[in-house]
Amino acid sequence: MTWAIEVVTDYTPCEELRRIVFQGEQGVSDEDEWDGLDDQAVHLLATIEGRPVGSARLLTKGGTGKISRVCVLKDVRGSGLGAALIKASVAHFEAQSNVARCMLGAQCHAIGFYEALGFIAYGPVYDDAGIDHRDMERTL
């Protein structure tokens, strides 16, 4: 399976993927999903033969890059695309001289996935949109 990952300025396909995965599959509310930060973010879109299949939202605050809203369609999970999205996100932040670390809020069931990509969990478990999460970070 071959995919392409690129930065997009029209992030409408990313929003649709989030509706499918977070709202449709996981039951996240409009209020929790649409936080008003999309216009400030860099959006990565993964496609297979032009079909949107995954996305990630990247925000920078101070010297920290935040990876958020990472999603992959169900029929593509397990293909390595999720890891490729995280690696592309990390590479985006590594290219910025003012960013020294990146962080994310991981759903607890995915902590091992992120640990395998060099992230370390810290702090307590917390509820985000009805789903247990834990913060994770990686020094760049």
Protein backbone atom coordinates (compact mmCIF):
# COMPACT_ATOMS: atom_id res chain seq x y z
CA MET A 1 0.00 0.00 0.00
CA THR A 2 1.53 3.31 -1.09
CA TRP A 3 0.39 6.63 0.29
CA ALA A 4 1.38 10.25 -0.06
CA ILE A 5 1.53 12.68 2.87
CA GLU A 6 1.54 16.41 2.22
CA VAL A 7 0.83 19.73 3.88
CA VAL A 8 -2.49 21.08 2.65
CA THR A 9 -3.98 24.57 2.86
CA ASP A 10 -7.49 23.34 2.06
CA TYR A 11 -8.02 21.10 5.06
CA THR A 12 -11.63 20.23 4.28
CA PRO A 13 -10.67 16.55 3.65
CA CYS A 14 -8.93 16.48 7.06
CA GLU A 15 -12.10 17.73 8.72
CA GLU A 16 -14.14 15.02 6.99
CA LEU A 17 -11.72 12.34 8.18
CA ARG A 18 -12.05 13.66 11.73
CA ARG A 19 -15.86 13.53 11.44
CA ILE A 20 -15.66 9.89 10.37
CA VAL A 21 -13.10 8.72 12.94
CA PHE A 22 -13.55 10.90 16.02
CA GLN A 23 -17.21 11.78 15.78
CA GLY A 24 -18.62 8.75 13.95
CA GLU A 25 -16.53 5.95 15.45
CA GLN A 26 -15.59 7.42 18.84
CA GLY A 27 -18.63 9.58 19.59
CA VAL A 28 -16.73 12.86 20.10
CA SER A 29 -19.10 15.84 20.24
CA ASP A 30 -18.97 18.87 17.94
CA GLU A 31 -18.02 20.98 20.94
CA ASP A 32 -15.03 18.80 21.76
CA GLU A 33 -13.83 18.27 18.18
CA TRP A 34 -14.07 21.78 16.77
CA ASP A 35 -11.95 23.90 19.10
CA GLY A 36 -11.31 26.88 16.80
CA LEU A 37 -7.60 26.12 16.32
CA ASP A 38 -7.71 24.69 12.79
CA ASP A 39 -7.00 28.05 11.13
CA GLN A 40 -3.79 28.37 13.19
CA ALA A 41 -2.55 24.87 12.35
CA VAL A 42 -0.55 23.08 9.69
CA HIS A 43 -2.55 20.15 8.34
CA LEU A 44 -1.05 16.95 6.97
CA LEU A 45 -3.22 14.88 4.65
CA ALA A 46 -2.45 11.29 3.68
CA THR A 47 -3.93 9.96 0.46
CA ILE A 48 -3.89 6.68 -1.44
CA GLU A 49 -4.46 7.17 -5.15
CA GLY A 50 -6.03 10.55 -4.39
CA ARG A 51 -8.38 9.20 -1.69
CA PRO A 52 -8.02 10.93 1.72
CA VAL A 53 -7.22 8.24 4.31
CA GLY A 54 -5.48 9.99 7.22
CA SER A 55 -4.54 13.33 8.69
CA ALA A 56 -2.76 15.15 11.51
CA ARG A 57 -2.95 18.71 12.83
CA LEU A 58 0.23 20.50 13.92
CA LEU A 59 0.39 23.52 16.20
CA THR A 60 3.43 25.40 17.49
CA LYS A 61 3.54 27.30 20.77
CA GLY A 62 6.84 28.66 21.98
CA GLY A 63 9.47 25.96 21.55
CA THR A 64 6.95 23.12 21.52
CA GLY A 65 5.24 21.53 18.57
CA LYS A 66 1.94 19.81 19.29
CA ILE A 67 0.71 16.89 17.20
CA SER A 68 -3.06 16.54 17.42
CA ARG A 69 -6.15 15.15 15.69
CA VAL A 70 -4.22 12.22 14.22
CA CYS A 71 -6.63 9.88 12.47
CA VAL A 72 -6.54 7.04 9.95
CA LEU A 73 -9.56 5.44 8.28
CA LYS A 74 -10.45 1.99 9.63
CA ASP A 75 -9.69 0.14 6.38
CA VAL A 76 -6.13 1.52 6.32
CA ARG A 77 -5.22 0.97 10.00
CA GLY A 78 -2.39 -1.47 10.57
CA SER A 79 -0.68 -0.50 7.31
CA GLY A 80 1.97 1.73 8.89
CA LEU A 81 0.25 4.95 7.80
CA GLY A 82 -0.29 6.14 11.38
CA ALA A 83 3.44 5.82 12.09
CA ALA A 84 4.22 7.58 8.80
CA LEU A 85 1.95 10.49 9.82
CA ILE A 86 3.73 10.81 13.17
CA LYS A 87 7.16 10.64 11.53
CA ALA A 88 6.12 13.34 9.03
CA SER A 89 4.83 15.46 11.92
CA VAL A 90 8.10 15.11 13.84
CA ALA A 91 10.07 15.96 10.67
CA HIS A 92 7.95 19.10 10.23
CA PHE A 93 8.89 20.27 13.74
CA GLU A 94 12.55 19.22 13.39
CA ALA A 95 12.79 21.55 10.38
CA GLN A 96 11.87 24.51 12.60
CA SER A 97 14.91 25.84 14.42
CA ASN A 98 12.80 27.29 17.25
CA VAL A 99 11.10 23.98 18.18
CA ALA A 100 12.98 21.82 20.71
CA ARG A 101 10.34 19.21 21.51
CA CYS A 102 7.02 17.91 20.33
CA MET A 103 4.15 16.60 22.39
CA LEU A 104 0.75 15.03 21.97
CA GLY A 105 -2.20 13.85 24.01
CA ALA A 106 -2.39 10.10 23.38
CA GLN A 107 -5.47 8.00 23.83
CA CYS A 108 -4.34 5.55 26.51
CA HIS A 109 -4.79 2.48 24.31
CA ALA A 110 -2.28 4.02 21.84
CA ILE A 111 0.53 4.81 24.29
CA GLY A 112 2.62 1.80 23.15
CA PHE A 113 2.27 2.93 19.52
CA TYR A 114 3.70 6.37 20.37
CA GLU A 115 6.41 4.91 22.65
CA ALA A 116 7.65 2.89 19.68
CA LEU A 117 8.03 6.22 17.84
CA GLY A 118 10.19 7.74 20.58
CA PHE A 119 7.58 9.46 22.74
CA ILE A 120 7.61 9.25 26.56
CA ALA A 121 4.43 9.49 28.64
CA TYR A 122 4.26 11.98 31.50
CA GLY A 123 1.67 13.29 33.91
CA PRO A 124 -1.63 11.75 34.94
CA VAL A 125 -4.34 10.15 32.84
CA TYR A 126 -7.06 12.69 31.97
CA ASP A 127 -10.40 12.71 30.22
CA ASP A 128 -10.56 14.36 26.81
CA ALA A 129 -13.94 14.11 25.04
CA GLY A 130 -14.88 11.10 27.18
CA ILE A 131 -11.69 9.19 26.27
CA ASP A 132 -8.76 8.55 28.65
CA HIS A 133 -5.60 10.30 27.45
CA ARG A 134 -2.08 10.85 28.66
CA ASP A 135 0.40 13.49 27.54
CA MET A 136 3.54 12.31 25.74
CA GLU A 137 6.64 14.15 24.55
CA ARG A 138 9.71 13.69 22.41
CA THR A 139 12.83 15.85 22.44
CA LEU A 140 13.92 16.91 18.95
